[in-house]
Amino acid sequence: MFAFLRREPGFYKRLFKLSLPMILQNLITFSLGLIDTFMVSRLGNAEMAAVTTANVPVFLLISIVFGVQSGLGILVSQYWGKGDSKSVSRALGVASIIGTGITLSLALLFFFFPVPVMDRLSNRHDLSLLGAPYLRVIGFSYVFNMLSSIYASAQRSIENPSFGMKLFGFSTILNTGLNYLLIFGHGGFPALGVAGAAIATLLARMSEFVICVVCALRSKRIPLDLGLFFRPGLDMGRRFVKYASPVVLNETIWGLGNSLLTVILGYTENSVEMLAANAVMGNLNRLFLVVCFGLGAATAVMVGKAIGEGQGREKVMALSRTLLWFSVLVGTALAVFSMALVPLLFVPVIFPMFKLFGQSAEIATALALMGFASIPLHACAISAVVGVLRAGGDVFWSTALDILPQWLICLPVTALVALVFQMGCWPIAAAIQLESVVKFPLCLWRVQSGRWINDVTGGKGG
């Protein structure tokens, strides 16, 4: 492993410059979820459980947004390597049309049928009634977030990752301030409770969209050709469908699976405690994974550009091995650090802040330790699937590796442990992490095979 880490001078400096803004962007984005959870927790465990349930279908929307921007990144990073800015405009157009159509359809479904949707996600109708005002509004925020995320993804793929960091940093600050005003009714505003959290998010996402429109029309780095953007052509449409639609499908199905894990917790006998603990630990766990997501995104840019530039197979393979093992090493350090914080900080300070006591605190502790111990495995999977394989256009295997361990092993085992055998929080927490345990060796095998290197822009394979 350590032999793979030896690279030319300046390599890790470039990796750091690419990944740091993405890490900060993800930290900002995931912090918003934690801030929302903290503010809603002030209203009570029932309100927090209701918002957690409402966010089950919302997480599906988030996964679709991530899938579209990741699929776009496959194309843009290689076009950037070739210096083809016109194709970047076409790819942006196709992604925007498809992404808006999907998110708007789901937002309308959530607006007109919030209670029926939520009734299918837990065994508590009172949670559905509490969370419905949130679900009716929050879906529309992701229509705007889709468009801003697409543009931020394009900027990231042309080695300008700081754009997304600044954009989402601004919207997070705005969202936090609006949460304070609208949830609790400060500054003369009405106290809207959970509905206030959704309205605050919608206004913040609309601000992101306006900023992206202004920047896109003024950018010199990737000048947006409006003619090509609104009429991208059938060839680009086919190319996007071929290479990006499997990624969108991948993220959608994976997001659905992740949502089903929350649904399983929502049908346990102690569902309110389970959902409250999962809401807190889900956000905290993602905060520690931001470094892994940043390294995965940087990996996609570096590998995609190398393929687009026409570097040989051996060079691309050596690059991918270095990036993959570096992510595992960083993930191991994160795991040790985060697990040490559980008895020192989480149990005595963080859990009480979120009103997690007794059974809720025990569940949160189990989820924390099992989740943090699995960070190195997650780091490998993220860099392999989101970074190496997708950048190489290996969409079939990246999709299979991301979905099959979750649906064939993690979900069935978790359902059996939680609902059939009712084995308690520690076995449930362990079952949730089975997905990453299975993914780890499979990801290493596929990357090592070298059969994932493809030129998706129309040139010859690596």
Protein backbone atom coordinates (compact mmCIF):
# COMPACT_ATOMS: atom_id res chain seq x y z
CA MET A 1 0.00 0.00 0.00
CA PHE A 2 2.71 2.47 1.03
CA ALA A 3 4.59 1.92 -2.25
CA PHE A 4 1.49 3.12 -4.12
CA LEU A 5 1.58 6.36 -2.11
CA ARG A 6 4.91 7.51 -3.58
CA ARG A 7 4.19 10.15 -6.25
CA GLU A 8 5.94 12.95 -8.09
CA PRO A 9 6.62 16.26 -6.27
CA GLY A 10 3.56 18.47 -6.06
CA PHE A 11 1.06 15.61 -6.39
CA TYR A 12 -0.36 15.80 -2.87
CA LYS A 13 -0.35 19.58 -3.00
CA ARG A 14 -2.59 19.39 -6.06
CA LEU A 15 -4.79 16.76 -4.39
CA PHE A 16 -5.06 18.97 -1.31
CA LYS A 17 -5.96 22.05 -3.39
CA LEU A 18 -8.67 20.08 -5.18
CA SER A 19 -10.12 18.24 -2.21
CA LEU A 20 -10.02 20.93 0.49
CA PRO A 21 -12.72 23.16 -1.05
CA MET A 22 -14.88 20.07 -1.65
CA ILE A 23 -14.36 18.93 1.94
CA LEU A 24 -15.36 22.36 3.20
CA GLN A 25 -18.34 22.41 0.82
CA ASN A 26 -19.54 19.03 2.11
CA LEU A 27 -18.87 20.12 5.69
CA ILE A 28 -21.03 23.19 5.13
CA THR A 29 -23.79 21.18 3.44
CA PHE A 30 -23.92 18.45 6.10
CA SER A 31 -23.63 21.03 8.89
CA LEU A 32 -26.89 22.49 7.63
CA GLY A 33 -28.60 19.14 8.26
CA LEU A 34 -27.13 19.04 11.76
CA ILE A 35 -28.20 22.62 12.47
CA ASP A 36 -31.73 21.85 11.24
CA THR A 37 -31.84 18.77 13.47
CA PHE A 38 -30.58 20.74 16.48
CA MET A 39 -33.12 23.54 16.03
CA VAL A 40 -36.03 21.16 15.47
CA SER A 41 -34.91 19.10 18.49
CA ARG A 42 -35.66 22.18 20.61
CA LEU A 43 -39.32 21.59 19.73
CA GLY A 44 -39.23 18.03 21.12
CA ASN A 45 -38.42 14.42 20.19
CA ALA A 46 -41.78 13.95 18.43
CA GLU A 47 -41.13 16.92 16.12
CA MET A 48 -37.60 15.69 15.42
CA ALA A 49 -38.90 12.20 14.62
CA ALA A 50 -41.55 13.75 12.33
CA VAL A 51 -38.96 15.74 10.37
CA THR A 52 -36.71 12.65 10.19
CA THR A 53 -39.62 10.70 8.69
CA ALA A 54 -40.41 13.53 6.25
CA ASN A 55 -36.77 13.56 5.19
CA VAL A 56 -36.97 9.92 4.08
CA PRO A 57 -38.47 10.83 0.66
CA VAL A 58 -36.44 14.05 0.69
CA PHE A 59 -33.26 11.97 0.92
CA LEU A 60 -34.38 10.32 -2.30
CA LEU A 61 -34.46 13.77 -3.90
CA ILE A 62 -30.99 14.53 -2.53
CA SER A 63 -29.71 11.26 -4.02
CA ILE A 64 -31.15 12.15 -7.43
CA VAL A 65 -29.48 15.58 -7.26
CA PHE A 66 -26.17 13.92 -6.39
CA GLY A 67 -26.64 11.36 -9.16
CA VAL A 68 -27.26 13.98 -11.86
CA GLN A 69 -24.29 16.11 -10.81
CA SER A 70 -22.04 13.04 -10.56
CA GLY A 71 -23.15 11.86 -13.99
CA LEU A 72 -22.47 15.30 -15.40
CA GLY A 73 -19.03 15.26 -13.80
CA ILE A 74 -18.07 12.13 -15.78
CA LEU A 75 -18.56 14.05 -19.03
CA VAL A 76 -17.35 17.50 -18.00
CA SER A 77 -14.05 16.34 -16.45
CA GLN A 78 -13.09 14.54 -19.67
CA TYR A 79 -14.28 17.39 -21.92
CA TRP A 80 -12.25 19.73 -19.76
CA GLY A 81 -9.19 17.52 -20.32
CA LYS A 82 -9.79 17.91 -24.08
CA GLY A 83 -10.45 21.67 -23.85
CA ASP A 84 -13.96 21.35 -25.37
CA SER A 85 -16.03 24.12 -23.71
CA LYS A 86 -18.93 23.88 -26.21
CA SER A 87 -19.61 20.29 -25.17
CA VAL A 88 -19.58 21.43 -21.55
CA SER A 89 -22.49 23.81 -22.35
CA ARG A 90 -24.37 21.00 -24.07
CA ALA A 91 -23.83 18.62 -21.16
CA LEU A 92 -25.02 21.28 -18.70
CA GLY A 93 -28.18 21.75 -20.77
CA VAL A 94 -29.06 18.05 -20.84
CA ALA A 95 -28.40 17.65 -17.10
CA SER A 96 -30.54 20.69 -16.27
CA ILE A 97 -33.50 19.56 -18.37
CA ILE A 98 -33.48 16.01 -16.98
CA GLY A 99 -32.76 17.04 -13.40
CA THR A 100 -35.48 19.68 -13.27
CA GLY A 101 -38.07 17.31 -14.71
CA ILE A 102 -37.39 14.63 -12.09
CA THR A 103 -37.20 16.89 -9.03
CA LEU A 104 -40.25 18.96 -10.00
CA SER A 105 -42.36 15.82 -10.45
CA LEU A 106 -41.44 14.54 -6.97
CA ALA A 107 -41.91 17.99 -5.40
CA LEU A 108 -45.48 18.14 -6.76
CA LEU A 109 -46.18 14.64 -5.39
CA PHE A 110 -44.97 15.68 -1.92
CA PHE A 111 -47.00 18.92 -2.10
CA PHE A 112 -50.33 17.32 -2.95
CA PHE A 113 -50.02 14.06 -0.95
CA PRO A 114 -47.76 14.70 2.08
CA VAL A 115 -49.72 12.68 4.66
CA PRO A 116 -50.27 9.57 2.48
CA VAL A 117 -46.56 9.58 1.61
CA MET A 118 -45.52 9.83 5.26
CA ASP A 119 -48.07 7.26 6.44
CA ARG A 120 -46.11 4.66 4.48
CA LEU A 121 -42.87 5.51 6.25
CA SER A 122 -43.68 4.78 9.91
CA ASN A 123 -46.29 3.25 12.19
CA ARG A 124 -47.16 6.63 13.73
CA HIS A 125 -49.92 8.67 12.00
CA ASP A 126 -49.33 11.53 14.46
CA LEU A 127 -45.80 11.91 13.03
CA SER A 128 -47.30 12.14 9.54
CA LEU A 129 -49.55 15.01 10.61
CA LEU A 130 -46.64 16.78 12.33
CA GLY A 131 -44.28 16.41 9.37
CA ALA A 132 -46.72 17.09 6.49
CA PRO A 133 -46.27 20.92 6.50
CA TYR A 134 -42.51 20.35 6.19
CA LEU A 135 -42.80 17.86 3.33
CA ARG A 136 -45.22 20.06 1.33
CA VAL A 137 -42.61 22.82 1.03
CA ILE A 138 -39.21 21.15 1.20
CA GLY A 139 -39.53 19.30 -2.12
CA PHE A 140 -39.54 22.53 -4.14
CA SER A 141 -36.25 23.61 -2.58
CA TYR A 142 -34.53 20.72 -4.36
CA VAL A 143 -35.72 21.88 -7.77
CA PHE A 144 -33.54 24.96 -7.27
CA ASN A 145 -30.83 22.95 -5.53
CA MET A 146 -30.66 20.61 -8.53
CA LEU A 147 -29.80 23.48 -10.88
CA SER A 148 -27.28 25.11 -8.54
CA SER A 149 -25.64 21.72 -7.79
CA ILE A 150 -25.31 20.99 -11.51
CA TYR A 151 -23.46 24.24 -12.09
CA ALA A 152 -21.29 23.75 -8.99
CA SER A 153 -20.47 20.24 -10.26
CA ALA A 154 -19.36 21.64 -13.62
CA GLN A 155 -17.12 24.17 -11.87
CA ARG A 156 -15.65 21.39 -9.72
CA SER A 157 -14.98 19.24 -12.77
CA ILE A 158 -12.96 22.03 -14.41
CA GLU A 159 -10.77 22.22 -11.29
CA ASN A 160 -12.56 25.16 -9.66
CA PRO A 161 -13.92 23.46 -6.51
CA SER A 162 -13.94 26.66 -4.43
CA PHE A 163 -17.07 27.88 -6.28
CA GLY A 164 -19.31 25.29 -4.65
CA MET A 165 -17.72 25.88 -1.26
CA LYS A 166 -18.49 29.60 -1.40
CA LEU A 167 -21.97 29.08 -2.85
CA PHE A 168 -23.16 26.54 -0.30
CA GLY A 169 -21.38 28.38 2.52
CA PHE A 170 -23.47 31.47 1.80
CA SER A 171 -26.73 29.51 1.55
CA THR A 172 -26.02 27.63 4.79
CA ILE A 173 -25.50 30.86 6.72
CA LEU A 174 -28.69 32.27 5.19
CA ASN A 175 -30.61 29.07 5.96
CA THR A 176 -29.44 29.05 9.57
CA GLY A 177 -30.52 32.63 10.10
CA LEU A 178 -33.91 32.02 8.50
CA ASN A 179 -34.34 28.88 10.64
CA TYR A 180 -33.83 30.95 13.77
CA LEU A 181 -36.41 33.51 12.62
CA LEU A 182 -39.06 31.18 11.20
CA ILE A 183 -38.96 28.09 13.45
CA PHE A 184 -39.13 29.98 16.74
CA GLY A 185 -40.74 33.27 15.62
CA HIS A 186 -37.94 35.73 16.42
CA GLY A 187 -37.62 39.22 14.94
CA GLY A 188 -41.34 39.73 14.57
CA PHE A 189 -41.78 36.64 12.36
CA PRO A 190 -44.46 34.04 13.19
CA ALA A 191 -43.33 30.85 14.96
CA LEU A 192 -43.93 28.28 12.20
CA GLY A 193 -42.23 25.25 13.78
CA VAL A 194 -41.29 22.48 11.35
CA ALA A 195 -42.89 24.37 8.43
CA GLY A 196 -40.54 27.28 9.17
CA ALA A 197 -37.53 24.97 8.69
CA ALA A 198 -38.80 24.00 5.23
CA ILE A 199 -39.52 27.60 4.17
CA ALA A 200 -36.05 28.67 5.32
CA THR A 201 -34.47 25.93 3.21
CA LEU A 202 -36.55 26.89 0.16
CA LEU A 203 -35.52 30.55 0.37
CA ALA A 204 -31.85 29.61 0.78
CA ARG A 205 -31.97 27.26 -2.25
CA MET A 206 -33.60 29.98 -4.35
CA SER A 207 -30.73 32.30 -3.46
CA GLU A 208 -28.23 29.64 -4.62
CA PHE A 209 -29.99 29.42 -7.95
CA VAL A 210 -29.93 33.20 -8.54
CA ILE A 211 -26.20 33.35 -7.78
CA CYS A 212 -25.49 30.48 -10.20
CA VAL A 213 -27.46 32.14 -13.01
CA VAL A 214 -25.49 35.37 -12.61
CA CYS A 215 -22.13 33.54 -12.45
CA ALA A 216 -22.93 31.30 -15.42
CA LEU A 217 -23.76 34.28 -17.63
CA ARG A 218 -20.56 36.10 -16.64
CA SER A 219 -18.07 33.21 -16.44
CA LYS A 220 -14.96 33.34 -18.63
CA ARG A 221 -13.56 30.02 -17.40
CA ILE A 222 -16.44 28.07 -18.93
CA PRO A 223 -18.42 30.58 -21.00
CA LEU A 224 -22.02 29.33 -21.16
CA ASP A 225 -23.35 29.14 -24.71
CA LEU A 226 -27.09 29.64 -24.19
CA GLY A 227 -27.92 28.32 -27.66
CA LEU A 228 -26.14 25.03 -26.93
CA PHE A 229 -27.48 24.96 -23.36
CA PHE A 230 -31.15 25.11 -24.41
CA ARG A 231 -30.61 23.03 -27.56
CA PRO A 232 -27.90 20.54 -26.58
CA GLY A 233 -28.62 18.12 -29.42
CA LEU A 234 -29.53 14.46 -29.62
CA ASP A 235 -25.93 13.25 -29.64
CA MET A 236 -25.22 14.84 -26.26
CA GLY A 237 -28.56 13.57 -24.99
CA ARG A 238 -27.63 10.02 -25.98
CA ARG A 239 -24.15 10.39 -24.49
CA PHE A 240 -25.58 11.68 -21.20
CA VAL A 241 -28.14 8.86 -21.08
CA LYS A 242 -25.43 6.28 -21.78
CA TYR A 243 -22.93 7.42 -19.17
CA ALA A 244 -24.89 9.56 -16.69
CA SER A 245 -28.31 7.89 -16.44
CA PRO A 246 -26.85 4.74 -14.80
CA VAL A 247 -25.27 7.03 -12.20
CA VAL A 248 -28.60 8.81 -11.63
CA LEU A 249 -30.33 5.42 -11.36
CA ASN A 250 -27.56 4.23 -9.05
CA GLU A 251 -27.94 7.17 -6.66
CA THR A 252 -31.74 7.00 -6.79
CA ILE A 253 -31.87 3.30 -5.91
CA TRP A 254 -29.14 3.72 -3.29
CA GLY A 255 -31.03 6.69 -1.83
CA LEU A 256 -34.21 4.63 -1.77
CA GLY A 257 -32.36 1.86 0.05
CA ASN A 258 -30.94 4.31 2.58
CA SER A 259 -34.44 5.71 3.08
CA LEU A 260 -35.76 2.19 3.67
CA LEU A 261 -33.29 1.80 6.52
CA THR A 262 -34.99 4.77 8.18
CA VAL A 263 -38.39 3.21 7.43
CA ILE A 264 -37.26 0.00 9.16
CA LEU A 265 -36.35 2.04 12.23
CA GLY A 266 -39.73 3.77 11.97
CA TYR A 267 -41.52 0.43 12.37
CA THR A 268 -39.67 -0.72 15.49
CA GLU A 269 -41.48 -0.76 18.84
CA ASN A 270 -39.41 2.19 20.09
CA SER A 271 -39.67 4.08 16.78
CA VAL A 272 -39.61 7.61 18.23
CA GLU A 273 -36.36 6.94 20.12
CA MET A 274 -34.85 5.13 17.12
CA LEU A 275 -35.72 7.92 14.69
CA ALA A 276 -34.52 10.66 17.02
CA ALA A 277 -31.16 8.91 17.62
CA ASN A 278 -30.76 8.16 13.93
CA ALA A 279 -31.51 11.78 13.00
CA VAL A 280 -28.67 13.00 15.21
CA MET A 281 -26.13 10.29 14.42
CA GLY A 282 -26.90 10.27 10.69
CA ASN A 283 -25.87 13.93 10.49
CA LEU A 284 -22.88 13.56 12.82
CA ASN A 285 -21.60 10.52 10.94
CA ARG A 286 -21.80 12.42 7.64
CA LEU A 287 -19.74 15.22 9.16
CA PHE A 288 -16.85 12.79 9.68
CA LEU A 289 -17.26 11.42 6.16
CA VAL A 290 -16.87 14.84 4.50
CA VAL A 291 -13.14 14.26 4.08
CA CYS A 292 -13.85 10.97 2.29
CA PHE A 293 -16.41 12.59 0.01
CA GLY A 294 -13.96 15.40 -0.77
CA LEU A 295 -11.21 12.92 -1.65
CA GLY A 296 -13.67 10.93 -3.78
CA ALA A 297 -14.69 14.03 -5.74
CA ALA A 298 -11.05 15.06 -6.22
CA THR A 299 -10.29 11.51 -7.38
CA ALA A 300 -13.01 11.75 -10.03
CA VAL A 301 -11.59 15.03 -11.36
CA MET A 302 -7.97 13.82 -11.46
CA VAL A 303 -8.71 10.40 -12.98
CA GLY A 304 -11.22 11.81 -15.49
CA LYS A 305 -8.82 14.49 -16.63
CA ALA A 306 -5.98 11.96 -16.98
CA ILE A 307 -8.15 9.79 -19.25
CA GLY A 308 -9.31 12.82 -21.25
CA GLU A 309 -5.69 13.91 -21.77
CA GLY A 310 -4.93 10.48 -23.23
CA GLN A 311 -2.53 9.26 -20.53
CA GLY A 312 -1.67 5.57 -20.87
CA ARG A 313 -3.40 2.76 -19.02
CA GLU A 314 -0.50 2.14 -16.62
CA LYS A 315 -0.34 5.80 -15.58
CA VAL A 316 -4.09 5.91 -14.98
CA MET A 317 -3.94 2.67 -12.98
CA ALA A 318 -1.04 3.93 -10.85
CA LEU A 319 -2.92 7.17 -10.20
CA SER A 320 -6.08 5.33 -9.16
CA ARG A 321 -4.21 3.02 -6.76
CA THR A 322 -2.53 5.96 -5.06
CA LEU A 323 -5.78 7.85 -4.59
CA LEU A 324 -7.65 4.77 -3.37
CA TRP A 325 -5.13 3.73 -0.72
CA PHE A 326 -4.60 7.29 0.41
CA SER A 327 -8.32 7.56 1.10
CA VAL A 328 -8.22 4.32 3.16
CA LEU A 329 -5.31 5.67 5.20
CA VAL A 330 -7.13 8.96 5.87
CA GLY A 331 -10.31 7.03 6.72
CA THR A 332 -8.45 4.95 9.30
CA ALA A 333 -7.15 8.09 11.03
CA LEU A 334 -10.68 9.54 11.05
CA ALA A 335 -12.09 6.33 12.55
CA VAL A 336 -9.64 6.35 15.46
CA PHE A 337 -10.28 10.04 16.16
CA SER A 338 -14.08 9.86 15.95
CA MET A 339 -14.38 6.73 18.11
CA ALA A 340 -12.29 8.39 20.82
CA LEU A 341 -14.76 11.28 20.87
CA VAL A 342 -17.79 9.08 21.69
CA PRO A 343 -17.08 8.68 25.45
CA LEU A 344 -15.24 12.01 25.74
CA LEU A 345 -17.68 14.34 23.94
CA PHE A 346 -20.71 12.68 22.38
CA VAL A 347 -22.19 10.87 25.39
CA PRO A 348 -21.62 13.58 28.03
CA VAL A 349 -22.17 16.71 25.87
CA ILE A 350 -23.58 16.23 22.35
CA PHE A 351 -26.41 13.78 23.09
CA PRO A 352 -27.85 15.87 25.96
CA MET A 353 -27.74 18.95 23.68
CA PHE A 354 -30.08 17.13 21.30
CA LYS A 355 -32.27 15.90 24.18
CA LEU A 356 -31.14 12.29 23.78
CA PHE A 357 -31.39 10.57 27.15
CA GLY A 358 -31.84 7.01 28.37
CA GLN A 359 -32.79 4.64 25.55
CA SER A 360 -32.28 7.30 22.84
CA ALA A 361 -28.73 7.93 24.09
CA GLU A 362 -27.94 4.19 24.13
CA ILE A 363 -29.18 3.81 20.55
CA ALA A 364 -27.17 6.85 19.45
CA THR A 365 -24.02 5.42 21.11
CA ALA A 366 -24.43 2.11 19.26
CA LEU A 367 -24.98 3.89 15.92
CA ALA A 368 -21.96 6.11 16.59
CA LEU A 369 -19.44 3.40 17.41
CA MET A 370 -20.49 1.05 14.62
CA GLY A 371 -20.64 3.88 12.07
CA PHE A 372 -17.28 5.39 13.02
CA ALA A 373 -15.53 2.00 13.01
CA SER A 374 -16.64 1.55 9.39
CA ILE A 375 -15.22 4.87 8.10
CA PRO A 376 -12.13 3.28 6.40
CA LEU A 377 -14.43 0.92 4.49
CA HIS A 378 -16.68 3.82 3.47
CA ALA A 379 -13.62 5.82 2.39
CA CYS A 380 -12.52 3.03 0.06
CA ALA A 381 -16.01 2.59 -1.43
CA ILE A 382 -16.49 6.33 -1.99
CA SER A 383 -13.14 6.80 -3.75
CA ALA A 384 -13.61 3.63 -5.80
CA VAL A 385 -17.23 4.09 -6.89
CA VAL A 386 -17.71 7.87 -6.97
CA GLY A 387 -14.12 8.61 -7.93
CA VAL A 388 -12.23 5.99 -9.93
CA LEU A 389 -14.92 3.85 -11.60
CA ARG A 390 -17.30 6.68 -12.55
CA ALA A 391 -14.47 8.86 -13.84
CA GLY A 392 -13.48 5.92 -16.04
CA GLY A 393 -17.02 5.57 -17.40
CA ASP A 394 -17.42 2.15 -15.73
CA VAL A 395 -21.04 2.91 -14.90
CA PHE A 396 -22.32 -0.68 -14.84
CA TRP A 397 -19.87 -1.91 -12.20
CA SER A 398 -20.00 1.29 -10.14
CA THR A 399 -23.78 0.89 -10.00
CA ALA A 400 -23.63 -2.82 -9.15
CA LEU A 401 -21.07 -2.29 -6.38
CA ASP A 402 -23.10 0.54 -4.88
CA ILE A 403 -26.52 -1.11 -4.96
CA LEU A 404 -26.24 -4.89 -4.64
CA PRO A 405 -24.53 -5.08 -1.20
CA GLN A 406 -27.14 -2.69 0.16
CA TRP A 407 -30.24 -4.39 -1.26
CA LEU A 408 -29.16 -8.03 -1.10
CA ILE A 409 -27.45 -8.02 2.30
CA CYS A 410 -27.77 -4.83 4.38
CA LEU A 411 -31.53 -4.20 4.05
CA PRO A 412 -32.71 -7.82 4.52
CA VAL A 413 -30.41 -8.44 7.49
CA THR A 414 -31.34 -5.14 9.16
CA ALA A 415 -35.06 -5.86 8.70
CA LEU A 416 -34.66 -9.32 10.21
CA VAL A 417 -32.62 -8.07 13.16
CA ALA A 418 -34.84 -5.05 13.89
CA LEU A 419 -38.36 -6.22 13.04
CA VAL A 420 -38.43 -10.02 13.12
CA PHE A 421 -35.98 -10.95 15.89
CA GLN A 422 -36.10 -7.53 17.65
CA MET A 423 -32.49 -7.97 18.79
CA GLY A 424 -31.82 -4.46 20.15
CA CYS A 425 -29.84 -1.42 19.10
CA TRP A 426 -26.31 -2.92 18.93
CA PRO A 427 -27.11 -5.72 16.45
CA ILE A 428 -29.20 -3.23 14.43
CA ALA A 429 -26.29 -0.77 14.29
CA ALA A 430 -23.95 -3.57 13.18
CA ALA A 431 -26.36 -4.76 10.48
CA ILE A 432 -26.60 -1.25 9.02
CA GLN A 433 -22.82 -1.28 8.40
CA LEU A 434 -22.80 -4.62 6.54
CA GLU A 435 -23.05 -2.77 3.24
CA SER A 436 -19.58 -1.23 3.59
CA VAL A 437 -18.07 -4.52 4.83
CA VAL A 438 -19.16 -6.29 1.63
CA LYS A 439 -18.26 -3.39 -0.67
CA PHE A 440 -14.64 -3.09 0.46
CA PRO A 441 -13.09 -6.21 -1.16
CA LEU A 442 -15.32 -5.93 -4.25
CA CYS A 443 -14.22 -2.34 -4.90
CA LEU A 444 -10.54 -3.29 -4.56
CA TRP A 445 -11.04 -6.17 -6.98
CA ARG A 446 -12.71 -4.05 -9.68
CA VAL A 447 -10.19 -1.20 -9.52
CA GLN A 448 -7.29 -3.66 -9.64
CA SER A 449 -8.75 -5.32 -12.77
CA GLY A 450 -8.15 -2.17 -14.86
CA ARG A 451 -11.16 -2.94 -17.05
CA TRP A 452 -12.91 0.28 -16.00
CA ILE A 453 -10.91 2.75 -18.13
CA ASN A 454 -13.04 4.24 -20.95
CA ASP A 455 -12.95 7.49 -22.93
CA VAL A 456 -16.56 8.70 -22.69
CA THR A 457 -16.06 11.67 -25.04
CA GLY A 458 -15.94 9.49 -28.15
CA GLY A 459 -12.23 8.71 -28.33
CA LYS A 460 -10.61 5.33 -27.94
CA GLY A 461 -10.51 3.56 -24.62
CA GLY A 462 -7.48 3.84 -22.35
